[in-house]
Amino acid sequence: MPPITEIEKCDGCKSEGEPLCEQVCPGDLMRLSPEQKGYCVQPRDCWDCMCCIKACPKGALETRIPYQIGYRNAKLIPMMGTNNITWTCIDINGKTERFQYVTRTAGTGEEEEW
């Protein structure tokens, strides 16, 4: 499920060096197109980690749930908050549900060590 870029929303992080999607991609797969829009250079190599989607300040990146799981037009959209993440799930009929979860390191004041 590589990220899909909504061209109208993406501003390439205003082209100030590396856009956030490129900075956070652990597979080094995100780049800016000549039009200064983020995109995945090797979709088949995408790890589906959603780091780029969570980091995008414009909400220009999204993932589509595979046909086998959610059918066409279903979406799963994350929105990162300071101490939480909100997932918006849109099913094939357009029904929208939101789920909010506290992040693992919320309130601890330090990053979790692995």
N, C-alpha and C. Protein backbone atom coordinates (compact mmCIF):
# COMPACT_ATOMS: atom_id res chain seq x y z
N MET A 1 0.82 -1.17 0.00
CA MET A 1 0.00 0.00 0.00
C MET A 1 0.87 1.24 0.00
N PRO A 2 1.59 1.51 -1.07
CA PRO A 2 2.42 2.71 -1.10
C PRO A 2 1.54 3.95 -1.02
N PRO A 3 2.11 5.06 -0.59
CA PRO A 3 1.33 6.29 -0.46
C PRO A 3 0.87 6.81 -1.82
N ILE A 4 -0.31 7.41 -1.80
CA ILE A 4 -0.85 8.08 -2.97
C ILE A 4 -0.83 9.57 -2.66
N THR A 5 -0.32 10.37 -3.59
CA THR A 5 -0.22 11.81 -3.37
C THR A 5 -1.41 12.53 -3.97
N GLU A 6 -2.06 13.35 -3.16
CA GLU A 6 -3.10 14.24 -3.67
C GLU A 6 -2.37 15.50 -4.13
N ILE A 7 -2.16 15.58 -5.44
CA ILE A 7 -1.34 16.63 -6.05
C ILE A 7 -1.79 18.03 -5.63
N GLU A 8 -3.10 18.25 -5.53
CA GLU A 8 -3.61 19.58 -5.18
C GLU A 8 -3.19 20.02 -3.78
N LYS A 9 -3.04 19.06 -2.88
CA LYS A 9 -2.69 19.38 -1.49
C LYS A 9 -1.19 19.50 -1.26
N CYS A 10 -0.39 18.73 -2.00
CA CYS A 10 1.06 18.67 -1.74
C CYS A 10 1.74 19.96 -2.19
N ASP A 11 2.49 20.56 -1.26
CA ASP A 11 3.29 21.74 -1.61
C ASP A 11 4.78 21.44 -1.53
N GLY A 12 5.14 20.15 -1.46
CA GLY A 12 6.55 19.75 -1.40
C GLY A 12 7.25 20.31 -0.18
N CYS A 13 6.47 20.55 0.89
CA CYS A 13 6.99 21.19 2.11
C CYS A 13 7.70 22.49 1.74
N LYS A 14 7.10 23.16 0.77
CA LYS A 14 7.59 24.45 0.27
C LYS A 14 9.00 24.37 -0.28
N SER A 15 9.39 23.16 -0.67
CA SER A 15 10.69 22.90 -1.32
C SER A 15 11.87 23.42 -0.52
N GLU A 16 11.74 23.40 0.79
CA GLU A 16 12.85 23.84 1.64
C GLU A 16 13.72 22.63 1.97
N GLY A 17 14.64 22.33 1.08
CA GLY A 17 15.49 21.15 1.28
C GLY A 17 14.68 19.89 1.06
N GLU A 18 14.82 18.95 1.98
CA GLU A 18 14.12 17.67 1.90
C GLU A 18 12.71 17.81 2.47
N PRO A 19 11.68 17.37 1.75
CA PRO A 19 10.34 17.40 2.33
C PRO A 19 10.25 16.38 3.47
N LEU A 20 9.29 16.56 4.35
CA LEU A 20 9.16 15.67 5.51
C LEU A 20 8.98 14.21 5.11
N CYS A 21 8.21 13.96 4.05
CA CYS A 21 7.99 12.56 3.65
C CYS A 21 9.30 11.88 3.27
N GLU A 22 10.19 12.63 2.67
CA GLU A 22 11.49 12.09 2.29
C GLU A 22 12.38 11.89 3.52
N GLN A 23 12.29 12.81 4.47
CA GLN A 23 13.11 12.72 5.68
C GLN A 23 12.77 11.50 6.52
N VAL A 24 11.49 11.16 6.61
CA VAL A 24 11.08 10.10 7.54
C VAL A 24 11.00 8.71 6.92
N CYS A 25 11.06 8.59 5.60
CA CYS A 25 10.90 7.28 4.96
C CYS A 25 12.08 6.36 5.27
N PRO A 26 11.85 5.27 6.01
CA PRO A 26 12.96 4.38 6.36
C PRO A 26 13.53 3.63 5.16
N GLY A 27 12.76 3.53 4.08
CA GLY A 27 13.24 2.84 2.89
C GLY A 27 13.86 3.78 1.87
N ASP A 28 13.93 5.08 2.20
CA ASP A 28 14.48 6.10 1.30
C ASP A 28 13.78 6.05 -0.06
N LEU A 29 12.44 5.99 -0.03
CA LEU A 29 11.66 5.83 -1.26
C LEU A 29 10.90 7.08 -1.69
N MET A 30 10.83 8.08 -0.84
CA MET A 30 10.07 9.28 -1.18
C MET A 30 10.99 10.33 -1.80
N ARG A 31 10.48 11.01 -2.81
CA ARG A 31 11.23 12.06 -3.51
C ARG A 31 10.26 13.18 -3.93
N LEU A 32 10.84 14.28 -4.40
CA LEU A 32 10.06 15.35 -5.00
C LEU A 32 10.12 15.20 -6.51
N SER A 33 8.98 15.35 -7.15
CA SER A 33 8.92 15.31 -8.61
C SER A 33 9.43 16.66 -9.14
N PRO A 34 9.64 16.76 -10.45
CA PRO A 34 10.04 18.07 -11.02
C PRO A 34 9.02 19.17 -10.71
N GLU A 35 7.77 18.77 -10.46
CA GLU A 35 6.71 19.74 -10.12
C GLU A 35 6.69 20.05 -8.62
N GLN A 36 7.68 19.53 -7.88
CA GLN A 36 7.81 19.74 -6.43
C GLN A 36 6.66 19.10 -5.65
N LYS A 37 6.29 17.89 -6.04
CA LYS A 37 5.27 17.11 -5.35
C LYS A 37 5.90 15.81 -4.87
N GLY A 38 5.56 15.38 -3.66
CA GLY A 38 6.11 14.14 -3.11
C GLY A 38 5.54 12.93 -3.81
N TYR A 39 6.37 11.91 -4.00
CA TYR A 39 5.90 10.65 -4.58
C TYR A 39 6.85 9.52 -4.18
N CYS A 40 6.35 8.30 -4.28
CA CYS A 40 7.13 7.10 -3.95
C CYS A 40 7.80 6.61 -5.23
N VAL A 41 9.15 6.55 -5.22
CA VAL A 41 9.89 6.18 -6.43
C VAL A 41 9.82 4.69 -6.76
N GLN A 42 9.63 3.85 -5.78
CA GLN A 42 9.54 2.40 -5.99
C GLN A 42 8.37 1.85 -5.18
N PRO A 43 7.14 2.01 -5.65
CA PRO A 43 5.98 1.57 -4.86
C PRO A 43 6.05 0.11 -4.42
N ARG A 44 6.60 -0.75 -5.22
CA ARG A 44 6.64 -2.17 -4.83
C ARG A 44 7.60 -2.43 -3.68
N ASP A 45 8.51 -1.50 -3.41
CA ASP A 45 9.45 -1.65 -2.31
C ASP A 45 8.97 -0.98 -1.02
N CYS A 46 7.82 -0.31 -1.07
CA CYS A 46 7.29 0.38 0.10
C CYS A 46 7.00 -0.62 1.21
N TRP A 47 7.38 -0.27 2.44
CA TRP A 47 7.21 -1.13 3.61
C TRP A 47 5.83 -1.00 4.25
N ASP A 48 5.03 -0.07 3.77
CA ASP A 48 3.70 0.18 4.32
C ASP A 48 3.74 0.65 5.77
N CYS A 49 4.80 1.34 6.14
CA CYS A 49 4.94 1.78 7.53
C CYS A 49 4.11 3.03 7.82
N MET A 50 3.75 3.77 6.79
CA MET A 50 2.93 4.98 6.87
C MET A 50 3.64 6.16 7.54
N CYS A 51 4.96 6.10 7.68
CA CYS A 51 5.69 7.22 8.27
C CYS A 51 5.46 8.50 7.47
N CYS A 52 5.53 8.40 6.16
CA CYS A 52 5.37 9.59 5.31
C CYS A 52 3.96 10.15 5.44
N ILE A 53 2.98 9.27 5.52
CA ILE A 53 1.58 9.70 5.61
C ILE A 53 1.34 10.42 6.93
N LYS A 54 1.89 9.89 8.01
CA LYS A 54 1.73 10.51 9.32
C LYS A 54 2.46 11.85 9.41
N ALA A 55 3.59 11.98 8.70
CA ALA A 55 4.41 13.19 8.80
C ALA A 55 3.93 14.34 7.92
N CYS A 56 3.12 14.06 6.90
CA CYS A 56 2.74 15.09 5.94
C CYS A 56 1.89 16.18 6.60
N PRO A 57 2.39 17.42 6.65
CA PRO A 57 1.65 18.49 7.32
C PRO A 57 0.41 18.93 6.55
N LYS A 58 0.33 18.63 5.27
CA LYS A 58 -0.81 19.04 4.44
C LYS A 58 -1.85 17.94 4.28
N GLY A 59 -1.56 16.74 4.78
CA GLY A 59 -2.48 15.64 4.59
C GLY A 59 -2.59 15.24 3.13
N ALA A 60 -1.51 15.45 2.39
CA ALA A 60 -1.51 15.20 0.94
C ALA A 60 -1.22 13.76 0.58
N LEU A 61 -0.77 12.98 1.55
CA LEU A 61 -0.48 11.57 1.29
C LEU A 61 -1.53 10.71 1.97
N GLU A 62 -1.93 9.66 1.30
CA GLU A 62 -2.89 8.74 1.90
C GLU A 62 -2.57 7.33 1.42
N THR A 63 -3.18 6.38 2.09
CA THR A 63 -3.05 4.99 1.67
C THR A 63 -4.43 4.49 1.34
N ARG A 64 -4.48 3.60 0.42
CA ARG A 64 -5.74 2.96 0.07
C ARG A 64 -5.69 1.54 0.60
N ILE A 65 -6.72 1.13 1.26
CA ILE A 65 -6.79 -0.22 1.77
C ILE A 65 -6.86 -1.15 0.55
N PRO A 66 -6.08 -2.22 0.54
CA PRO A 66 -6.10 -3.11 -0.63
C PRO A 66 -7.49 -3.65 -0.93
N TYR A 67 -7.75 -3.90 -2.18
CA TYR A 67 -9.04 -4.41 -2.64
C TYR A 67 -9.47 -5.63 -1.84
N GLN A 68 -8.53 -6.51 -1.54
CA GLN A 68 -8.86 -7.74 -0.83
C GLN A 68 -9.38 -7.47 0.58
N ILE A 69 -9.01 -6.35 1.15
CA ILE A 69 -9.43 -6.04 2.53
C ILE A 69 -10.63 -5.10 2.55
N GLY A 70 -10.54 -4.02 1.81
CA GLY A 70 -11.57 -2.99 1.95
C GLY A 70 -12.32 -2.63 0.70
N TYR A 71 -12.01 -3.23 -0.40
CA TYR A 71 -12.64 -2.91 -1.68
C TYR A 71 -12.26 -1.51 -2.15
N ARG A 72 -12.67 -1.21 -3.34
CA ARG A 72 -12.30 0.05 -3.98
C ARG A 72 -12.86 1.24 -3.20
N ASN A 73 -12.09 2.29 -3.16
CA ASN A 73 -12.44 3.59 -2.56
C ASN A 73 -12.39 3.64 -1.04
N ALA A 74 -12.07 2.54 -0.38
CA ALA A 74 -11.91 2.60 1.07
C ALA A 74 -10.60 3.30 1.38
N LYS A 75 -10.57 4.09 2.48
CA LYS A 75 -9.37 4.83 2.85
C LYS A 75 -9.11 4.70 4.34
N LEU A 76 -7.84 4.83 4.70
CA LEU A 76 -7.41 4.86 6.08
C LEU A 76 -6.46 6.05 6.20
N ILE A 77 -6.85 7.08 6.96
CA ILE A 77 -6.12 8.34 6.99
C ILE A 77 -5.68 8.65 8.43
N PRO A 78 -4.37 8.74 8.67
CA PRO A 78 -3.90 9.10 10.02
C PRO A 78 -3.71 10.60 10.17
N MET A 79 -3.94 11.11 11.38
CA MET A 79 -3.63 12.51 11.68
C MET A 79 -2.89 12.52 13.00
N MET A 80 -1.64 12.96 12.95
CA MET A 80 -0.81 12.97 14.15
C MET A 80 -1.10 14.20 14.99
N GLY A 81 -1.30 13.99 16.28
CA GLY A 81 -1.41 15.08 17.23
C GLY A 81 -0.16 15.10 18.08
N THR A 82 -0.11 15.95 19.06
CA THR A 82 1.05 16.04 19.92
C THR A 82 1.22 14.76 20.74
N ASN A 83 0.13 14.28 21.31
CA ASN A 83 0.19 13.10 22.18
C ASN A 83 -0.69 11.95 21.71
N ASN A 84 -1.23 12.07 20.48
CA ASN A 84 -2.13 11.02 20.01
C ASN A 84 -2.11 10.95 18.49
N ILE A 85 -2.76 9.91 17.99
CA ILE A 85 -2.97 9.76 16.55
C ILE A 85 -4.44 9.45 16.36
N THR A 86 -5.05 10.12 15.39
CA THR A 86 -6.44 9.87 15.05
C THR A 86 -6.48 9.20 13.69
N TRP A 87 -7.14 8.06 13.62
CA TRP A 87 -7.30 7.34 12.36
C TRP A 87 -8.71 7.57 11.86
N THR A 88 -8.83 8.02 10.62
CA THR A 88 -10.12 8.17 9.97
C THR A 88 -10.27 7.02 8.99
N CYS A 89 -11.31 6.23 9.16
CA CYS A 89 -11.59 5.09 8.29
C CYS A 89 -12.82 5.42 7.46
N ILE A 90 -12.69 5.33 6.15
CA ILE A 90 -13.81 5.58 5.25
C ILE A 90 -14.06 4.29 4.48
N ASP A 91 -15.26 3.74 4.63
CA ASP A 91 -15.53 2.47 3.96
C ASP A 91 -16.00 2.69 2.52
N ILE A 92 -16.32 1.60 1.84
CA ILE A 92 -16.67 1.70 0.42
C ILE A 92 -17.97 2.46 0.16
N ASN A 93 -18.78 2.64 1.19
CA ASN A 93 -20.03 3.38 1.05
C ASN A 93 -19.90 4.83 1.51
N GLY A 94 -18.70 5.23 1.88
CA GLY A 94 -18.47 6.60 2.33
C GLY A 94 -18.71 6.81 3.82
N LYS A 95 -19.05 5.75 4.55
CA LYS A 95 -19.26 5.87 6.00
C LYS A 95 -17.91 6.16 6.66
N THR A 96 -17.88 7.17 7.50
CA THR A 96 -16.64 7.60 8.14
C THR A 96 -16.69 7.32 9.64
N GLU A 97 -15.61 6.74 10.13
CA GLU A 97 -15.45 6.52 11.57
C GLU A 97 -14.07 7.02 11.96
N ARG A 98 -13.94 7.56 13.18
CA ARG A 98 -12.66 8.05 13.67
C ARG A 98 -12.32 7.35 14.98
N PHE A 99 -11.04 7.02 15.11
CA PHE A 99 -10.53 6.37 16.31
C PHE A 99 -9.31 7.14 16.77
N GLN A 100 -9.26 7.47 18.05
CA GLN A 100 -8.13 8.22 18.57
C GLN A 100 -7.39 7.38 19.61
N TYR A 101 -6.07 7.35 19.49
CA TYR A 101 -5.22 6.58 20.40
C TYR A 101 -4.11 7.46 20.93
N VAL A 102 -3.77 7.28 22.18
CA VAL A 102 -2.64 7.98 22.78
C VAL A 102 -1.37 7.31 22.26
N THR A 103 -0.38 8.12 21.90
CA THR A 103 0.88 7.55 21.43
C THR A 103 1.62 6.91 22.59
N ARG A 104 2.48 5.96 22.28
CA ARG A 104 3.18 5.19 23.31
C ARG A 104 4.02 6.05 24.23
N THR A 105 4.62 7.11 23.70
CA THR A 105 5.52 7.92 24.50
C THR A 105 4.82 9.14 25.08
N ALA A 106 3.51 9.27 24.86
CA ALA A 106 2.78 10.44 25.35
C ALA A 106 2.89 10.54 26.87
N GLY A 107 3.29 11.70 27.33
CA GLY A 107 3.33 11.96 28.75
C GLY A 107 4.57 11.47 29.47
N THR A 108 5.44 10.76 28.79
CA THR A 108 6.62 10.24 29.47
C THR A 108 7.77 11.24 29.45
N GLY A 109 7.74 12.15 28.47
CA GLY A 109 8.80 13.14 28.38
C GLY A 109 10.06 12.61 27.74
N GLU A 110 10.06 11.35 27.32
CA GLU A 110 11.24 10.80 26.68
C GLU A 110 10.82 9.77 25.64
N GLU A 111 11.67 9.53 24.70
CA GLU A 111 11.41 8.55 23.65
C GLU A 111 11.61 7.14 24.20
N GLU A 112 10.83 6.22 23.70
CA GLU A 112 10.97 4.83 24.10
C GLU A 112 12.19 4.23 23.45
N GLU A 113 12.98 3.50 24.19
CA GLU A 113 14.17 2.87 23.64
C GLU A 113 13.83 1.46 23.15
N TRP A 114 14.43 1.08 22.06
CA TRP A 114 14.18 -0.25 21.49
C TRP A 114 15.37 -1.12 21.66
